Amino acid sequence: MAENDERPTVSILDPDDRSTTAAIDALIAAAESDHDHPALDEPSRLAWRGRAGFVGLVVGSPGSATAYGQLTQRDRSFTLEVVAGSSVGAEAARAAILESALAIARDRGGSELRFWVNRFDGTDDPHLRALGFEAERDLVQMRVPLPIEGTRPSAGPFTLRSFRPGADEEAWLRVNNRAFASHPEQGRWDLATVRAREQTDWFDPDGFLMCEEDGRLAGSCWTKVHRDKDPVLGEIYVISVDPDFQRRGLGKLLAYAGLDWLAKRAPVGMLYVDGTNTAAIELYRALGFTADHTDRCYLNRF
């Protein structure tokens, strides 16, 4: 950003301001059309639709939005996502939102702020480091043509069935949170989080595959179909394996099962994997996946 650029003014969104929220809706839709990537992640989209659970930061005149930041809080940890498009001034707008978010997080007793950069290409590093951010983790999106080839592993003592809404939530949560105990997002799910996903337009219990041994839940593969994409994308949304059942080939069994289910509904499979999870990356590469792009999370502790 040039030194003589005028710093944009950032205002806090009033969720009842219909003209501005409509402008943000249009900004989000345009960003997703331009980049073929969700402008906000799943929890943030749900919060946005409910107009609650976040601080909205807006750059633009009344009733308009040239950039939007959504700031969420859990305990003393804050997370920011920014939708700025590719218009002239977008870089300055995003910088202003970042600095406003840091000030709000500090004022509210926060100890850290995370900021996600979608389709990371390295150009954000200098400014973010100047603000005190360091790269924390990478999330790699991988894709594969469907159906996939290969001999399917035997289920052995395991049985697969579909998720039963109203009956399986608690058991699934126990397994998921054990499987992702050290994960900063996936290991913190609660019943309200699951029920919110069940209310989305994409939720299909038939594609939420539960894997059991002798009636005990050992793992699951939760799928998601992105029918708004061209081509339609079939996502492995979450694979969870209880630690008591790990090293028994369940990850491969569940991946095949989920991809076979998706192959009847989408020509391309997709998933996200942590950039440091080499075992999972190797498994997915063996199934034919290749990296499409990387999203990077930056962390600022204060």
Protein backbone atom coordinates (compact mmCIF):
# COMPACT_ATOMS: atom_id res chain seq x y z
CA MET A 1 0.00 0.00 0.00
CA ALA A 2 1.39 3.40 -0.95
CA GLU A 3 2.32 5.71 1.90
CA ASN A 4 0.08 8.51 0.64
CA ASP A 5 -3.04 6.34 0.47
CA GLU A 6 -5.80 7.67 2.70
CA ARG A 7 -6.70 5.12 5.36
CA PRO A 8 -10.35 4.01 4.91
CA THR A 9 -12.79 4.50 7.76
CA VAL A 10 -14.02 1.33 9.44
CA SER A 11 -17.43 1.28 11.14
CA ILE A 12 -19.08 -1.39 13.27
CA LEU A 13 -22.06 -2.97 11.56
CA ASP A 14 -25.55 -2.57 12.94
CA PRO A 15 -27.13 -5.99 12.08
CA ASP A 16 -30.51 -4.27 11.73
CA ASP A 17 -29.21 -1.94 9.00
CA ARG A 18 -30.84 -3.74 6.07
CA SER A 19 -29.31 -1.65 3.33
CA THR A 20 -25.77 -2.28 4.57
CA THR A 21 -26.34 -5.99 5.24
CA ALA A 22 -27.77 -6.30 1.73
CA ALA A 23 -24.64 -4.63 0.36
CA ILE A 24 -22.48 -7.10 2.32
CA ASP A 25 -24.52 -10.00 0.94
CA ALA A 26 -23.77 -8.72 -2.57
CA LEU A 27 -20.07 -8.28 -1.72
CA ILE A 28 -19.86 -11.86 -0.42
CA ALA A 29 -21.63 -13.24 -3.50
CA ALA A 30 -19.34 -11.31 -5.85
CA ALA A 31 -16.21 -12.48 -4.02
CA GLU A 32 -17.30 -16.11 -4.22
CA SER A 33 -18.11 -15.74 -7.92
CA ASP A 34 -14.71 -14.21 -8.64
CA HIS A 35 -12.64 -16.69 -6.66
CA ASP A 36 -14.67 -19.95 -6.57
CA HIS A 37 -14.02 -20.08 -2.82
CA PRO A 38 -16.25 -19.49 0.22
CA ALA A 39 -15.83 -15.89 1.33
CA LEU A 40 -16.55 -16.96 4.92
CA ASP A 41 -16.06 -20.35 6.52
CA GLU A 42 -19.00 -22.49 7.60
CA PRO A 43 -19.38 -21.20 11.20
CA SER A 44 -19.02 -17.61 10.04
CA ARG A 45 -21.62 -18.06 7.29
CA LEU A 46 -24.08 -19.51 9.81
CA ALA A 47 -23.43 -16.63 12.20
CA TRP A 48 -23.87 -14.14 9.35
CA ARG A 49 -27.21 -15.65 8.34
CA GLY A 50 -28.38 -15.42 11.94
CA ARG A 51 -26.98 -11.89 12.28
CA ALA A 52 -25.56 -12.75 15.72
CA GLY A 53 -22.41 -13.94 17.44
CA PHE A 54 -19.88 -11.61 15.80
CA VAL A 55 -18.69 -8.04 15.31
CA GLY A 56 -19.06 -6.82 11.73
CA LEU A 57 -16.50 -4.31 10.46
CA VAL A 58 -17.46 -2.35 7.36
CA VAL A 59 -15.64 -0.08 4.95
CA GLY A 60 -18.01 1.96 2.81
CA SER A 61 -20.54 4.77 2.87
CA PRO A 62 -23.93 4.25 4.58
CA GLY A 63 -25.86 1.53 2.77
CA SER A 64 -22.79 0.29 0.89
CA ALA A 65 -19.82 -1.98 1.56
CA THR A 66 -16.53 -2.11 -0.31
CA ALA A 67 -14.99 -4.43 2.31
CA TYR A 68 -16.31 -6.41 5.24
CA GLY A 69 -14.62 -8.10 8.21
CA GLN A 70 -16.29 -10.61 10.52
CA LEU A 71 -14.72 -10.86 13.98
CA THR A 72 -15.69 -13.72 16.30
CA GLN A 73 -14.63 -14.47 19.86
CA ARG A 74 -14.20 -17.62 21.91
CA ASP A 75 -12.91 -16.98 25.41
CA ARG A 76 -9.84 -14.74 24.86
CA SER A 77 -9.25 -15.92 21.29
CA PHE A 78 -10.52 -13.90 18.31
CA THR A 79 -10.76 -14.88 14.64
CA LEU A 80 -11.12 -12.50 11.70
CA GLU A 81 -12.19 -13.11 8.12
CA VAL A 82 -12.23 -10.33 5.54
CA VAL A 83 -14.14 -10.02 2.27
CA ALA A 84 -12.58 -7.26 0.16
CA GLY A 85 -12.91 -8.39 -3.45
CA SER A 86 -10.38 -7.17 -6.00
CA SER A 87 -11.42 -3.55 -6.46
CA VAL A 88 -9.09 -0.55 -6.27
CA GLY A 89 -8.51 0.21 -2.61
CA ALA A 90 -9.26 -3.34 -1.44
CA GLU A 91 -5.76 -3.76 0.04
CA ALA A 92 -6.06 -0.54 2.06
CA ALA A 93 -9.56 -1.51 3.21
CA ARG A 94 -8.39 -4.90 4.42
CA ALA A 95 -5.45 -3.32 6.25
CA ALA A 96 -7.79 -0.91 8.01
CA ILE A 97 -10.12 -3.75 9.05
CA LEU A 98 -7.17 -5.75 10.38
CA GLU A 99 -5.98 -2.88 12.54
CA SER A 100 -9.52 -2.22 13.81
CA ALA A 101 -9.95 -5.90 14.68
CA LEU A 102 -6.68 -5.91 16.63
CA ALA A 103 -7.79 -2.86 18.61
CA ILE A 104 -11.19 -4.42 19.41
CA ALA A 105 -9.65 -7.73 20.46
CA ARG A 106 -7.23 -5.96 22.81
CA ASP A 107 -9.97 -3.72 24.24
CA ARG A 108 -12.10 -6.79 24.99
CA GLY A 109 -9.36 -8.58 26.87
CA GLY A 110 -8.27 -10.86 24.05
CA SER A 111 -4.92 -12.61 24.03
CA GLU A 112 -4.72 -13.59 20.36
CA LEU A 113 -6.18 -12.91 16.93
CA ARG A 114 -6.22 -15.33 14.00
CA PHE A 115 -6.64 -14.18 10.42
CA TRP A 116 -7.27 -16.49 7.46
CA VAL A 117 -5.95 -15.76 3.96
CA ASN A 118 -7.75 -17.77 1.30
CA ARG A 119 -5.73 -18.99 -1.67
CA PHE A 120 -2.47 -17.97 -0.02
CA ASP A 121 0.22 -16.82 -2.48
CA GLY A 122 2.71 -15.06 -0.19
CA THR A 123 1.83 -11.48 -1.09
CA ASP A 124 0.21 -10.89 2.34
CA ASP A 125 3.28 -11.78 4.39
CA PRO A 126 5.07 -8.39 4.64
CA HIS A 127 2.09 -6.35 5.87
CA LEU A 128 0.86 -9.06 8.26
CA ARG A 129 4.29 -9.51 9.78
CA ALA A 130 4.50 -5.73 10.25
CA LEU A 131 1.30 -5.96 12.31
CA GLY A 132 2.73 -8.74 14.46
CA PHE A 133 1.23 -11.77 12.71
CA GLU A 134 3.12 -15.01 12.11
CA ALA A 135 2.05 -17.93 9.92
CA GLU A 136 0.44 -20.56 12.18
CA ARG A 137 -0.92 -23.29 9.90
CA ASP A 138 -1.82 -24.12 6.32
CA LEU A 139 -5.01 -25.79 5.16
CA VAL A 140 -4.65 -27.54 1.80
CA GLN A 141 -7.64 -28.12 -0.45
CA MET A 142 -7.21 -31.33 -2.47
CA ARG A 143 -9.37 -32.57 -5.35
CA VAL A 144 -9.85 -35.79 -7.30
CA PRO A 145 -12.01 -36.84 -10.29
CA LEU A 146 -14.87 -39.15 -9.29
CA PRO A 147 -15.36 -42.06 -9.19
CA ILE A 148 -11.93 -43.08 -7.92
CA GLU A 149 -10.20 -46.28 -8.93
CA GLY A 150 -8.68 -48.90 -6.65
CA THR A 151 -9.62 -51.99 -4.71
CA ARG A 152 -11.89 -51.14 -1.82
CA PRO A 153 -10.65 -52.26 1.61
CA SER A 154 -12.61 -54.93 3.43
CA ALA A 155 -14.85 -53.63 6.20
CA GLY A 156 -13.86 -56.62 8.36
CA PRO A 157 -15.59 -56.37 11.75
CA PHE A 158 -16.92 -52.87 11.01
CA THR A 159 -20.39 -51.97 9.76
CA LEU A 160 -21.42 -48.77 7.98
CA ARG A 161 -24.77 -47.05 8.24
CA SER A 162 -26.24 -43.57 7.82
CA PHE A 163 -26.47 -40.98 10.58
CA ARG A 164 -29.74 -40.85 12.54
CA PRO A 165 -30.71 -37.24 13.40
CA GLY A 166 -31.91 -36.98 16.97
CA ALA A 167 -30.14 -40.19 18.03
CA ASP A 168 -26.47 -40.05 17.00
CA GLU A 169 -25.35 -36.52 17.87
CA GLU A 170 -23.92 -37.21 21.34
CA ALA A 171 -22.02 -40.34 20.29
CA TRP A 172 -20.61 -38.58 17.24
CA LEU A 173 -19.51 -35.59 19.34
CA ARG A 174 -17.63 -37.83 21.78
CA VAL A 175 -15.72 -39.53 18.97
CA ASN A 176 -15.09 -36.32 17.01
CA ASN A 177 -13.81 -34.36 20.00
CA ARG A 178 -11.56 -37.25 21.05
CA ALA A 179 -10.22 -37.59 17.52
CA PHE A 180 -9.49 -33.84 17.26
CA ALA A 181 -8.63 -33.11 20.89
CA SER A 182 -5.67 -30.91 19.90
CA HIS A 183 -7.30 -29.26 16.88
CA PRO A 184 -8.06 -25.53 17.34
CA GLU A 185 -11.48 -25.68 15.64
CA GLN A 186 -12.70 -29.22 15.00
CA GLY A 187 -12.10 -30.42 18.57
CA ARG A 188 -14.36 -27.76 20.09
CA TRP A 189 -17.70 -28.79 18.65
CA ASP A 190 -20.78 -29.00 20.86
CA LEU A 191 -24.36 -30.13 20.39
CA ALA A 192 -25.49 -26.69 19.19
CA THR A 193 -22.78 -26.78 16.49
CA VAL A 194 -23.99 -30.14 15.17
CA ARG A 195 -27.65 -29.08 15.25
CA ALA A 196 -26.80 -25.90 13.34
CA ARG A 197 -25.22 -28.00 10.58
CA GLU A 198 -28.31 -30.21 10.48
CA GLN A 199 -30.36 -27.11 9.63
CA THR A 200 -28.26 -26.17 6.59
CA ASP A 201 -29.59 -26.71 3.08
CA TRP A 202 -26.70 -29.08 2.26
CA PHE A 203 -27.13 -31.48 5.18
CA ASP A 204 -28.01 -35.04 4.12
CA PRO A 205 -27.96 -37.76 6.81
CA ASP A 206 -27.63 -40.44 4.11
CA GLY A 207 -24.18 -39.06 3.30
CA PHE A 208 -23.13 -38.94 6.95
CA LEU A 209 -21.63 -42.42 7.30
CA MET A 210 -21.24 -43.97 10.74
CA CYS A 211 -18.78 -46.83 11.29
CA GLU A 212 -19.36 -49.20 14.21
CA GLU A 213 -17.83 -52.28 15.76
CA ASP A 214 -20.11 -54.36 18.01
CA GLY A 215 -22.48 -51.41 18.35
CA ARG A 216 -19.78 -48.91 19.38
CA LEU A 217 -19.07 -45.90 17.17
CA ALA A 218 -15.50 -46.18 15.90
CA GLY A 219 -15.48 -43.41 13.31
CA SER A 220 -17.45 -41.57 10.66
CA CYS A 221 -17.22 -39.86 7.29
CA TRP A 222 -19.42 -36.79 6.93
CA THR A 223 -19.89 -35.63 3.33
CA LYS A 224 -21.17 -32.42 1.80
CA VAL A 225 -22.29 -31.70 -1.76
CA HIS A 226 -21.62 -28.19 -3.15
CA ARG A 227 -24.35 -28.02 -5.78
CA ASP A 228 -23.72 -24.30 -6.34
CA LYS A 229 -20.29 -24.99 -7.83
CA ASP A 230 -19.47 -25.73 -11.48
CA PRO A 231 -18.55 -28.52 -11.58
CA VAL A 232 -20.48 -29.78 -8.56
CA LEU A 233 -18.03 -30.63 -5.76
CA GLY A 234 -18.45 -33.56 -3.40
CA GLU A 235 -16.61 -32.82 -0.17
CA ILE A 236 -15.38 -35.12 2.54
CA TYR A 237 -16.37 -32.67 5.26
CA VAL A 238 -15.05 -34.51 8.34
CA ILE A 239 -13.47 -37.91 8.88
CA SER A 240 -13.31 -38.77 12.58
CA VAL A 241 -11.71 -41.91 14.01
CA ASP A 242 -11.84 -42.62 17.74
CA PRO A 243 -8.27 -42.91 19.10
CA ASP A 244 -9.14 -46.41 20.40
CA PHE A 245 -9.66 -47.54 16.79
CA GLN A 246 -6.76 -45.82 15.09
CA ARG A 247 -4.09 -47.76 13.15
CA ARG A 248 -6.70 -50.23 11.92
CA GLY A 249 -7.20 -48.79 8.42
CA LEU A 250 -10.42 -46.95 9.24
CA GLY A 251 -9.28 -43.70 7.60
CA LYS A 252 -8.88 -45.45 4.25
CA LEU A 253 -12.13 -47.42 4.66
CA LEU A 254 -14.09 -44.27 5.49
CA ALA A 255 -12.48 -42.23 2.69
CA TYR A 256 -13.44 -44.82 0.08
CA ALA A 257 -16.97 -45.11 1.49
CA GLY A 258 -17.49 -41.35 1.45
CA LEU A 259 -16.05 -40.88 -2.04
CA ASP A 260 -18.17 -43.73 -3.43
CA TRP A 261 -21.28 -42.07 -1.98
CA LEU A 262 -20.26 -38.71 -3.44
CA ALA A 263 -19.45 -40.19 -6.88
CA LYS A 264 -23.18 -40.67 -7.50
CA ARG A 265 -23.76 -36.95 -6.93
CA ALA A 266 -20.65 -35.06 -8.09
CA PRO A 267 -17.91 -35.44 -10.73
CA VAL A 268 -15.16 -34.02 -8.48
CA GLY A 269 -14.23 -34.93 -4.92
CA MET A 270 -12.73 -32.40 -2.55
CA LEU A 271 -11.44 -32.13 1.00
CA TYR A 272 -9.32 -29.95 3.25
CA VAL A 273 -6.32 -31.30 5.16
CA ASP A 274 -3.88 -29.68 7.56
CA GLY A 275 -0.60 -29.00 5.81
CA THR A 276 1.36 -30.78 8.56
CA ASN A 277 -0.79 -33.94 8.49
CA THR A 278 1.59 -35.87 6.26
CA ALA A 279 -0.05 -39.25 6.89
CA ALA A 280 -3.44 -37.98 5.69
CA ILE A 281 -1.89 -36.18 2.70
CA GLU A 282 -0.12 -39.37 1.67
CA LEU A 283 -3.36 -41.35 1.99
CA TYR A 284 -5.26 -38.87 -0.17
CA ARG A 285 -2.52 -38.73 -2.78
CA ALA A 286 -2.64 -42.53 -2.99
CA LEU A 287 -6.37 -42.19 -3.72
CA GLY A 288 -5.61 -39.80 -6.60
CA PHE A 289 -6.03 -36.41 -4.91
CA THR A 290 -3.85 -33.47 -5.91
CA ALA A 291 -3.48 -30.09 -4.20
CA ASP A 292 -5.72 -27.36 -5.62
CA HIS A 293 -4.73 -24.45 -3.35
CA THR A 294 -3.71 -23.56 0.20
CA ASP A 295 -5.38 -21.32 2.78
CA ARG A 296 -3.09 -19.90 5.49
CA CYS A 297 -3.92 -18.94 9.06
CA TYR A 298 -1.90 -16.14 10.66
CA LEU A 299 -1.70 -15.66 14.43
CA ASN A 300 -1.02 -12.55 16.46
CA ARG A 301 -0.54 -13.05 20.22
CA PHE A 302 -0.63 -10.00 22.50
